Amino acid sequence: MVKDGGGGRGKVRVSGVVRNGDGIMTAPTLDAVHKNPASVAGLPQQTLTALLIACNAVSTTLTTALLTSAPVRAETTVDDPQRLLKADEVAEILGTTPGVVYEMSRRGTIGHVSTGIAGSRAVRFTRQQVADFIKSREKAALDSGAR
């Protein structure tokens, strides 16, 4: 147990969970959850949802920053932001399968560039299209969590 020296008016940190002087428990930080996953045990569903939304927002921000960052080298490389991504690369970024990515592109859920015959799987994706998709999912998650 460590006293919060940051002007926290009697708050005490216990395993990343903050309890104020009245014993009211507030949500642990994302860093605290990462360091001690057990710190979320017993938290109300609303708090867990808020933590998940915050985690998703951080993940989206970091992924977008990676996808839209300038290349380190001027030559064309695998990390060239102008290079079109294949479905398996997008699937890895999104944590899904190439089949799901193809289906999302067929339905228009994620933007894509058609490189072949209609109905074929000859589609590619720009980093911006992937970033836009992630942002749209974040907005949908925030909208549904706000209820």
N, C-alpha and C. Protein backbone atom coordinates (compact mmCIF):
# COMPACT_ATOMS: atom_id res chain seq x y z
N MET A 1 0.85 -1.16 0.00
CA MET A 1 0.00 0.00 0.00
C MET A 1 0.90 1.23 0.00
N VAL A 2 0.66 2.15 -0.92
CA VAL A 2 1.49 3.34 -1.06
C VAL A 2 0.58 4.56 -1.09
N LYS A 3 0.90 5.54 -0.26
CA LYS A 3 0.13 6.80 -0.28
C LYS A 3 0.38 7.51 -1.58
N ASP A 4 -0.65 8.10 -2.14
CA ASP A 4 -0.55 8.87 -3.37
C ASP A 4 -0.06 10.26 -3.02
N GLY A 5 1.18 10.56 -3.42
CA GLY A 5 1.75 11.86 -3.08
C GLY A 5 1.39 12.95 -4.06
N GLY A 6 0.54 12.67 -5.05
CA GLY A 6 0.23 13.65 -6.08
C GLY A 6 -0.96 14.51 -5.76
N GLY A 7 -1.19 14.81 -4.51
CA GLY A 7 -2.33 15.66 -4.16
C GLY A 7 -3.64 14.94 -4.32
N GLY A 8 -3.63 13.62 -4.12
CA GLY A 8 -4.81 12.81 -4.36
C GLY A 8 -5.80 12.80 -3.21
N ARG A 9 -5.67 13.69 -2.25
CA ARG A 9 -6.61 13.85 -1.13
C ARG A 9 -6.93 12.53 -0.45
N GLY A 10 -5.87 11.88 0.06
CA GLY A 10 -6.09 10.68 0.86
C GLY A 10 -6.27 9.42 0.05
N LYS A 11 -5.97 9.43 -1.22
CA LYS A 11 -6.09 8.21 -2.02
C LYS A 11 -4.94 7.27 -1.72
N VAL A 12 -5.22 6.00 -1.72
CA VAL A 12 -4.20 4.98 -1.48
C VAL A 12 -4.24 4.00 -2.63
N ARG A 13 -3.05 3.73 -3.21
CA ARG A 13 -2.96 2.76 -4.31
C ARG A 13 -2.70 1.39 -3.75
N VAL A 14 -3.56 0.43 -4.10
CA VAL A 14 -3.38 -0.95 -3.71
C VAL A 14 -3.39 -1.78 -4.98
N SER A 15 -2.25 -2.33 -5.34
CA SER A 15 -2.12 -3.15 -6.55
C SER A 15 -2.69 -2.45 -7.77
N GLY A 16 -2.50 -1.16 -7.88
CA GLY A 16 -2.97 -0.42 -9.05
C GLY A 16 -4.40 0.05 -8.93
N VAL A 17 -5.12 -0.35 -7.88
CA VAL A 17 -6.50 0.09 -7.68
C VAL A 17 -6.46 1.28 -6.73
N VAL A 18 -7.22 2.31 -7.04
CA VAL A 18 -7.23 3.51 -6.19
C VAL A 18 -8.46 3.47 -5.30
N ARG A 19 -8.22 3.64 -3.99
CA ARG A 19 -9.32 3.75 -3.03
C ARG A 19 -9.18 5.11 -2.36
N ASN A 20 -10.27 5.85 -2.33
CA ASN A 20 -10.17 7.15 -1.67
C ASN A 20 -10.37 6.97 -0.17
N GLY A 21 -10.32 8.03 0.59
CA GLY A 21 -10.44 7.96 2.04
C GLY A 21 -11.74 7.35 2.52
N ASP A 22 -12.78 7.36 1.67
CA ASP A 22 -14.08 6.78 2.04
C ASP A 22 -14.15 5.30 1.69
N GLY A 23 -13.08 4.74 1.13
CA GLY A 23 -13.08 3.32 0.76
C GLY A 23 -13.75 3.04 -0.57
N ILE A 24 -14.06 4.07 -1.34
CA ILE A 24 -14.71 3.88 -2.63
C ILE A 24 -13.64 3.49 -3.66
N MET A 25 -13.88 2.38 -4.35
CA MET A 25 -12.92 1.89 -5.33
C MET A 25 -13.18 2.53 -6.69
N THR A 26 -12.12 3.01 -7.32
CA THR A 26 -12.21 3.53 -8.67
C THR A 26 -11.43 2.60 -9.59
N ALA A 27 -11.57 2.80 -10.88
CA ALA A 27 -10.96 1.90 -11.86
C ALA A 27 -9.45 1.97 -11.82
N PRO A 28 -8.80 0.82 -12.01
CA PRO A 28 -7.35 0.84 -12.15
C PRO A 28 -6.96 1.44 -13.49
N THR A 29 -5.75 1.91 -13.60
CA THR A 29 -5.27 2.43 -14.87
C THR A 29 -5.01 1.26 -15.81
N LEU A 30 -4.92 1.53 -17.12
CA LEU A 30 -4.61 0.47 -18.08
C LEU A 30 -3.23 -0.12 -17.79
N ASP A 31 -2.31 0.74 -17.37
CA ASP A 31 -0.97 0.26 -17.03
C ASP A 31 -1.04 -0.70 -15.84
N ALA A 32 -1.85 -0.35 -14.86
CA ALA A 32 -2.00 -1.22 -13.69
C ALA A 32 -2.63 -2.56 -14.06
N VAL A 33 -3.59 -2.54 -14.96
CA VAL A 33 -4.23 -3.78 -15.42
C VAL A 33 -3.21 -4.65 -16.15
N HIS A 34 -2.38 -4.00 -16.97
CA HIS A 34 -1.35 -4.74 -17.70
C HIS A 34 -0.38 -5.41 -16.73
N LYS A 35 0.02 -4.67 -15.68
CA LYS A 35 0.98 -5.21 -14.72
C LYS A 35 0.35 -6.23 -13.78
N ASN A 36 -0.93 -6.06 -13.47
CA ASN A 36 -1.61 -6.95 -12.54
C ASN A 36 -3.04 -7.21 -13.04
N PRO A 37 -3.21 -8.18 -13.94
CA PRO A 37 -4.54 -8.47 -14.50
C PRO A 37 -5.60 -8.78 -13.44
N ALA A 38 -5.18 -9.29 -12.29
CA ALA A 38 -6.15 -9.60 -11.23
C ALA A 38 -6.79 -8.35 -10.64
N SER A 39 -6.24 -7.18 -10.94
CA SER A 39 -6.78 -5.94 -10.37
C SER A 39 -8.19 -5.62 -10.88
N VAL A 40 -8.64 -6.30 -11.92
CA VAL A 40 -9.99 -6.04 -12.44
C VAL A 40 -11.04 -6.95 -11.82
N ALA A 41 -10.60 -7.93 -11.03
CA ALA A 41 -11.54 -8.85 -10.40
C ALA A 41 -12.49 -8.06 -9.50
N GLY A 42 -13.75 -8.31 -9.65
CA GLY A 42 -14.75 -7.67 -8.81
C GLY A 42 -15.19 -6.29 -9.25
N LEU A 43 -14.61 -5.78 -10.34
CA LEU A 43 -15.05 -4.46 -10.83
C LEU A 43 -16.42 -4.59 -11.49
N PRO A 44 -17.25 -3.58 -11.38
CA PRO A 44 -18.57 -3.62 -12.03
C PRO A 44 -18.43 -3.69 -13.56
N GLN A 45 -19.45 -4.26 -14.21
CA GLN A 45 -19.44 -4.40 -15.66
C GLN A 45 -19.27 -3.05 -16.35
N GLN A 46 -19.87 -2.02 -15.84
CA GLN A 46 -19.76 -0.68 -16.43
C GLN A 46 -18.31 -0.20 -16.41
N THR A 47 -17.59 -0.48 -15.33
CA THR A 47 -16.18 -0.10 -15.23
C THR A 47 -15.34 -0.91 -16.20
N LEU A 48 -15.62 -2.21 -16.28
CA LEU A 48 -14.89 -3.07 -17.23
C LEU A 48 -15.12 -2.60 -18.67
N THR A 49 -16.35 -2.22 -18.99
CA THR A 49 -16.66 -1.72 -20.33
C THR A 49 -15.90 -0.42 -20.60
N ALA A 50 -15.86 0.47 -19.62
CA ALA A 50 -15.13 1.73 -19.79
C ALA A 50 -13.64 1.47 -20.01
N LEU A 51 -13.06 0.53 -19.26
CA LEU A 51 -11.65 0.18 -19.44
C LEU A 51 -11.41 -0.40 -20.83
N LEU A 52 -12.30 -1.26 -21.28
CA LEU A 52 -12.15 -1.86 -22.61
C LEU A 52 -12.24 -0.81 -23.71
N ILE A 53 -13.15 0.14 -23.56
CA ILE A 53 -13.27 1.22 -24.55
C ILE A 53 -12.00 2.08 -24.55
N ALA A 54 -11.48 2.37 -23.37
CA ALA A 54 -10.24 3.15 -23.28
C ALA A 54 -9.09 2.39 -23.92
N CYS A 55 -9.02 1.10 -23.67
CA CYS A 55 -7.96 0.26 -24.25
C CYS A 55 -8.09 0.24 -25.77
N ASN A 56 -9.30 0.12 -26.27
CA ASN A 56 -9.53 0.12 -27.71
C ASN A 56 -9.13 1.46 -28.32
N ALA A 57 -9.42 2.54 -27.64
CA ALA A 57 -9.05 3.87 -28.15
C ALA A 57 -7.53 4.01 -28.24
N VAL A 58 -6.83 3.52 -27.23
CA VAL A 58 -5.36 3.57 -27.25
C VAL A 58 -4.84 2.70 -28.38
N SER A 59 -5.39 1.51 -28.51
CA SER A 59 -4.96 0.59 -29.58
C SER A 59 -5.20 1.21 -30.96
N THR A 60 -6.35 1.83 -31.13
CA THR A 60 -6.67 2.47 -32.41
C THR A 60 -5.71 3.61 -32.71
N THR A 61 -5.43 4.42 -31.71
CA THR A 61 -4.52 5.54 -31.90
C THR A 61 -3.13 5.05 -32.29
N LEU A 62 -2.63 4.04 -31.60
CA LEU A 62 -1.31 3.51 -31.90
C LEU A 62 -1.26 2.84 -33.27
N THR A 63 -2.29 2.07 -33.61
CA THR A 63 -2.34 1.40 -34.91
C THR A 63 -2.40 2.43 -36.04
N THR A 64 -3.22 3.45 -35.87
CA THR A 64 -3.32 4.50 -36.88
C THR A 64 -1.98 5.21 -37.04
N ALA A 65 -1.30 5.48 -35.94
CA ALA A 65 0.01 6.13 -36.01
C ALA A 65 1.01 5.26 -36.77
N LEU A 66 0.96 3.95 -36.54
CA LEU A 66 1.86 3.05 -37.26
C LEU A 66 1.52 2.97 -38.74
N LEU A 67 0.24 2.93 -39.05
CA LEU A 67 -0.19 2.78 -40.44
C LEU A 67 0.05 4.03 -41.27
N THR A 68 0.03 5.18 -40.64
CA THR A 68 0.15 6.43 -41.40
C THR A 68 1.52 7.08 -41.23
N SER A 69 2.43 6.40 -40.57
CA SER A 69 3.76 6.99 -40.37
C SER A 69 4.57 6.95 -41.65
N ALA A 70 5.48 7.88 -41.78
CA ALA A 70 6.35 7.96 -42.95
C ALA A 70 7.39 6.85 -42.89
N PRO A 71 7.84 6.39 -44.05
CA PRO A 71 8.86 5.33 -44.05
C PRO A 71 10.19 5.87 -43.53
N VAL A 72 10.97 4.98 -42.96
CA VAL A 72 12.28 5.36 -42.44
C VAL A 72 13.24 5.62 -43.59
N ARG A 73 13.14 4.81 -44.64
CA ARG A 73 14.02 4.96 -45.79
C ARG A 73 13.23 5.51 -46.97
N ALA A 74 13.91 6.21 -47.84
CA ALA A 74 13.26 6.79 -49.01
C ALA A 74 12.95 5.72 -50.06
N GLU A 75 13.69 4.62 -50.06
CA GLU A 75 13.46 3.57 -51.06
C GLU A 75 12.17 2.82 -50.76
N THR A 76 11.64 2.15 -51.76
CA THR A 76 10.44 1.35 -51.57
C THR A 76 10.78 0.12 -50.77
N THR A 77 10.09 -0.04 -49.65
CA THR A 77 10.33 -1.19 -48.78
C THR A 77 9.00 -1.82 -48.43
N VAL A 78 9.07 -2.87 -47.65
CA VAL A 78 7.86 -3.53 -47.18
C VAL A 78 7.04 -2.56 -46.34
N ASP A 79 7.69 -1.61 -45.66
CA ASP A 79 7.00 -0.66 -44.80
C ASP A 79 6.60 0.62 -45.52
N ASP A 80 6.76 0.68 -46.84
CA ASP A 80 6.41 1.86 -47.62
C ASP A 80 4.92 2.14 -47.48
N PRO A 81 4.54 3.33 -46.99
CA PRO A 81 3.11 3.62 -46.78
C PRO A 81 2.31 3.65 -48.08
N GLN A 82 2.97 3.78 -49.22
CA GLN A 82 2.27 3.77 -50.50
C GLN A 82 2.01 2.36 -51.02
N ARG A 83 2.70 1.37 -50.45
CA ARG A 83 2.54 -0.01 -50.90
C ARG A 83 1.17 -0.53 -50.50
N LEU A 84 0.51 -1.20 -51.43
CA LEU A 84 -0.79 -1.78 -51.13
C LEU A 84 -0.62 -3.04 -50.30
N LEU A 85 -1.50 -3.22 -49.34
CA LEU A 85 -1.44 -4.37 -48.44
C LEU A 85 -2.31 -5.50 -48.97
N LYS A 86 -1.87 -6.72 -48.75
CA LYS A 86 -2.65 -7.91 -49.10
C LYS A 86 -3.60 -8.22 -47.95
N ALA A 87 -4.61 -9.04 -48.24
CA ALA A 87 -5.62 -9.38 -47.23
C ALA A 87 -5.00 -10.04 -46.00
N ASP A 88 -3.98 -10.87 -46.21
CA ASP A 88 -3.37 -11.53 -45.06
C ASP A 88 -2.63 -10.53 -44.17
N GLU A 89 -2.07 -9.48 -44.76
CA GLU A 89 -1.40 -8.44 -43.97
C GLU A 89 -2.43 -7.63 -43.17
N VAL A 90 -3.55 -7.32 -43.82
CA VAL A 90 -4.62 -6.58 -43.14
C VAL A 90 -5.19 -7.45 -42.02
N ALA A 91 -5.37 -8.74 -42.29
CA ALA A 91 -5.89 -9.66 -41.28
C ALA A 91 -4.99 -9.69 -40.05
N GLU A 92 -3.69 -9.67 -40.27
CA GLU A 92 -2.75 -9.68 -39.15
C GLU A 92 -2.88 -8.39 -38.33
N ILE A 93 -3.02 -7.26 -39.00
CA ILE A 93 -3.18 -5.98 -38.31
C ILE A 93 -4.45 -5.98 -37.48
N LEU A 94 -5.54 -6.52 -38.07
CA LEU A 94 -6.85 -6.48 -37.41
C LEU A 94 -7.07 -7.64 -36.45
N GLY A 95 -6.18 -8.63 -36.49
CA GLY A 95 -6.35 -9.78 -35.61
C GLY A 95 -7.46 -10.70 -36.05
N THR A 96 -7.58 -10.89 -37.36
CA THR A 96 -8.63 -11.75 -37.90
C THR A 96 -8.03 -12.62 -39.00
N THR A 97 -8.86 -13.20 -39.83
CA THR A 97 -8.38 -14.08 -40.90
C THR A 97 -8.50 -13.36 -42.25
N PRO A 98 -7.72 -13.79 -43.24
CA PRO A 98 -7.86 -13.20 -44.58
C PRO A 98 -9.28 -13.37 -45.14
N GLY A 99 -9.92 -14.48 -44.84
CA GLY A 99 -11.29 -14.71 -45.32
C GLY A 99 -12.25 -13.65 -44.82
N VAL A 100 -12.10 -13.26 -43.57
CA VAL A 100 -12.95 -12.21 -42.99
C VAL A 100 -12.66 -10.88 -43.68
N VAL A 101 -11.39 -10.61 -43.96
CA VAL A 101 -11.02 -9.37 -44.63
C VAL A 101 -11.62 -9.33 -46.04
N TYR A 102 -11.54 -10.46 -46.77
CA TYR A 102 -12.14 -10.52 -48.10
C TYR A 102 -13.66 -10.28 -48.03
N GLU A 103 -14.30 -10.88 -47.04
CA GLU A 103 -15.75 -10.72 -46.88
C GLU A 103 -16.09 -9.26 -46.55
N MET A 104 -15.31 -8.63 -45.69
CA MET A 104 -15.56 -7.22 -45.35
C MET A 104 -15.39 -6.34 -46.59
N SER A 105 -14.40 -6.65 -47.42
CA SER A 105 -14.20 -5.84 -48.63
C SER A 105 -15.34 -6.08 -49.62
N ARG A 106 -15.81 -7.33 -49.70
CA ARG A 106 -16.94 -7.64 -50.61
C ARG A 106 -18.20 -6.89 -50.18
N ARG A 107 -18.42 -6.79 -48.87
CA ARG A 107 -19.60 -6.10 -48.34
C ARG A 107 -19.44 -4.59 -48.29
N GLY A 108 -18.23 -4.11 -48.51
CA GLY A 108 -17.99 -2.67 -48.46
C GLY A 108 -17.74 -2.15 -47.05
N THR A 109 -17.49 -3.04 -46.11
CA THR A 109 -17.23 -2.64 -44.73
C THR A 109 -15.86 -1.99 -44.61
N ILE A 110 -14.92 -2.43 -45.43
CA ILE A 110 -13.58 -1.84 -45.44
C ILE A 110 -13.26 -1.46 -46.88
N GLY A 111 -12.69 -0.28 -47.06
CA GLY A 111 -12.33 0.16 -48.40
C GLY A 111 -11.23 -0.70 -48.97
N HIS A 112 -11.20 -0.81 -50.29
CA HIS A 112 -10.17 -1.62 -50.94
C HIS A 112 -9.92 -1.12 -52.35
N VAL A 113 -8.86 -1.62 -52.95
CA VAL A 113 -8.52 -1.32 -54.32
C VAL A 113 -8.63 -2.63 -55.10
N SER A 114 -9.48 -2.65 -56.10
CA SER A 114 -9.63 -3.86 -56.92
C SER A 114 -8.50 -3.91 -57.93
N THR A 115 -7.83 -5.04 -58.00
CA THR A 115 -6.70 -5.18 -58.92
C THR A 115 -6.94 -6.25 -59.97
N GLY A 116 -8.14 -6.80 -60.01
CA GLY A 116 -8.37 -7.90 -60.94
C GLY A 116 -9.79 -7.97 -61.44
N ILE A 117 -10.19 -9.15 -61.80
CA ILE A 117 -11.51 -9.44 -62.36
C ILE A 117 -12.56 -9.41 -61.25
N ALA A 118 -13.74 -8.92 -61.59
CA ALA A 118 -14.82 -8.85 -60.61
C ALA A 118 -15.09 -10.24 -60.05
N GLY A 119 -15.27 -10.30 -58.75
CA GLY A 119 -15.55 -11.56 -58.09
C GLY A 119 -14.30 -12.30 -57.66
N SER A 120 -13.15 -11.84 -58.10
CA SER A 120 -11.91 -12.51 -57.69
C SER A 120 -11.45 -11.92 -56.36
N ARG A 121 -10.45 -12.54 -55.80
CA ARG A 121 -9.91 -12.03 -54.54
C ARG A 121 -8.71 -11.14 -54.79
N ALA A 122 -8.64 -10.57 -55.97
CA ALA A 122 -7.51 -9.69 -56.32
C ALA A 122 -7.81 -8.28 -55.82
N VAL A 123 -7.81 -8.14 -54.51
CA VAL A 123 -8.02 -6.82 -53.91
C VAL A 123 -6.82 -6.51 -53.03
N ARG A 124 -6.55 -5.22 -52.89
CA ARG A 124 -5.49 -4.76 -52.02
C ARG A 124 -6.04 -3.60 -51.19
N PHE A 125 -5.30 -3.21 -50.18
CA PHE A 125 -5.77 -2.21 -49.24
C PHE A 125 -4.68 -1.19 -48.99
N THR A 126 -5.08 0.08 -48.92
CA THR A 126 -4.11 1.11 -48.54
C THR A 126 -4.07 1.17 -47.01
N ARG A 127 -2.99 1.67 -46.49
CA ARG A 127 -2.87 1.83 -45.03
C ARG A 127 -3.95 2.79 -44.52
N GLN A 128 -4.28 3.79 -45.32
CA GLN A 128 -5.31 4.75 -44.90
C GLN A 128 -6.67 4.07 -44.83
N GLN A 129 -6.97 3.16 -45.77
CA GLN A 129 -8.25 2.45 -45.73
C GLN A 129 -8.35 1.61 -44.46
N VAL A 130 -7.25 0.96 -44.09
CA VAL A 130 -7.25 0.16 -42.86
C VAL A 130 -7.41 1.07 -41.64
N ALA A 131 -6.70 2.18 -41.63
CA ALA A 131 -6.81 3.13 -40.52
C ALA A 131 -8.24 3.68 -40.41
N ASP A 132 -8.86 3.99 -41.56
CA ASP A 132 -10.24 4.50 -41.56
C ASP A 132 -11.20 3.44 -41.01
N PHE A 133 -10.98 2.18 -41.40
CA PHE A 133 -11.82 1.09 -40.89
C PHE A 133 -11.70 1.00 -39.37
N ILE A 134 -10.47 1.05 -38.86
CA ILE A 134 -10.26 0.95 -37.42
C ILE A 134 -10.94 2.11 -36.70
N LYS A 135 -10.79 3.32 -37.24
CA LYS A 135 -11.45 4.49 -36.64
C LYS A 135 -12.97 4.33 -36.63
N SER A 136 -13.53 3.79 -37.71
CA SER A 136 -14.99 3.60 -37.78
C SER A 136 -15.45 2.59 -36.74
N ARG A 137 -14.64 1.56 -36.48
CA ARG A 137 -15.00 0.56 -35.48
C ARG A 137 -14.90 1.16 -34.09
N GLU A 138 -13.89 2.01 -33.88
CA GLU A 138 -13.74 2.67 -32.59
C GLU A 138 -14.96 3.55 -32.32
N LYS A 139 -15.39 4.30 -33.32
CA LYS A 139 -16.56 5.17 -33.16
C LYS A 139 -17.79 4.34 -32.86
N ALA A 140 -17.94 3.20 -33.55
CA ALA A 140 -19.10 2.33 -33.30
C ALA A 140 -19.05 1.78 -31.88
N ALA A 141 -17.87 1.41 -31.40
CA ALA A 141 -17.73 0.89 -30.05
C ALA A 141 -18.05 1.96 -29.01
N LEU A 142 -17.56 3.17 -29.24
CA LEU A 142 -17.84 4.26 -28.32
C LEU A 142 -19.31 4.60 -28.29
N ASP A 143 -19.95 4.62 -29.47
CA ASP A 143 -21.38 4.92 -29.55
C ASP A 143 -22.21 3.87 -28.83
N SER A 144 -21.88 2.59 -28.99
CA SER A 144 -22.66 1.54 -28.34
C SER A 144 -22.37 1.47 -26.85
N GLY A 145 -21.15 1.87 -26.42
CA GLY A 145 -20.80 1.87 -25.00
C GLY A 145 -21.35 3.05 -24.24
N ALA A 146 -21.78 4.06 -24.96
CA ALA A 146 -22.26 5.28 -24.31
C ALA A 146 -23.68 5.14 -23.80
N ARG A 147 -24.33 4.05 -24.16
CA ARG A 147 -25.74 3.88 -23.77
C ARG A 147 -25.90 3.53 -22.33
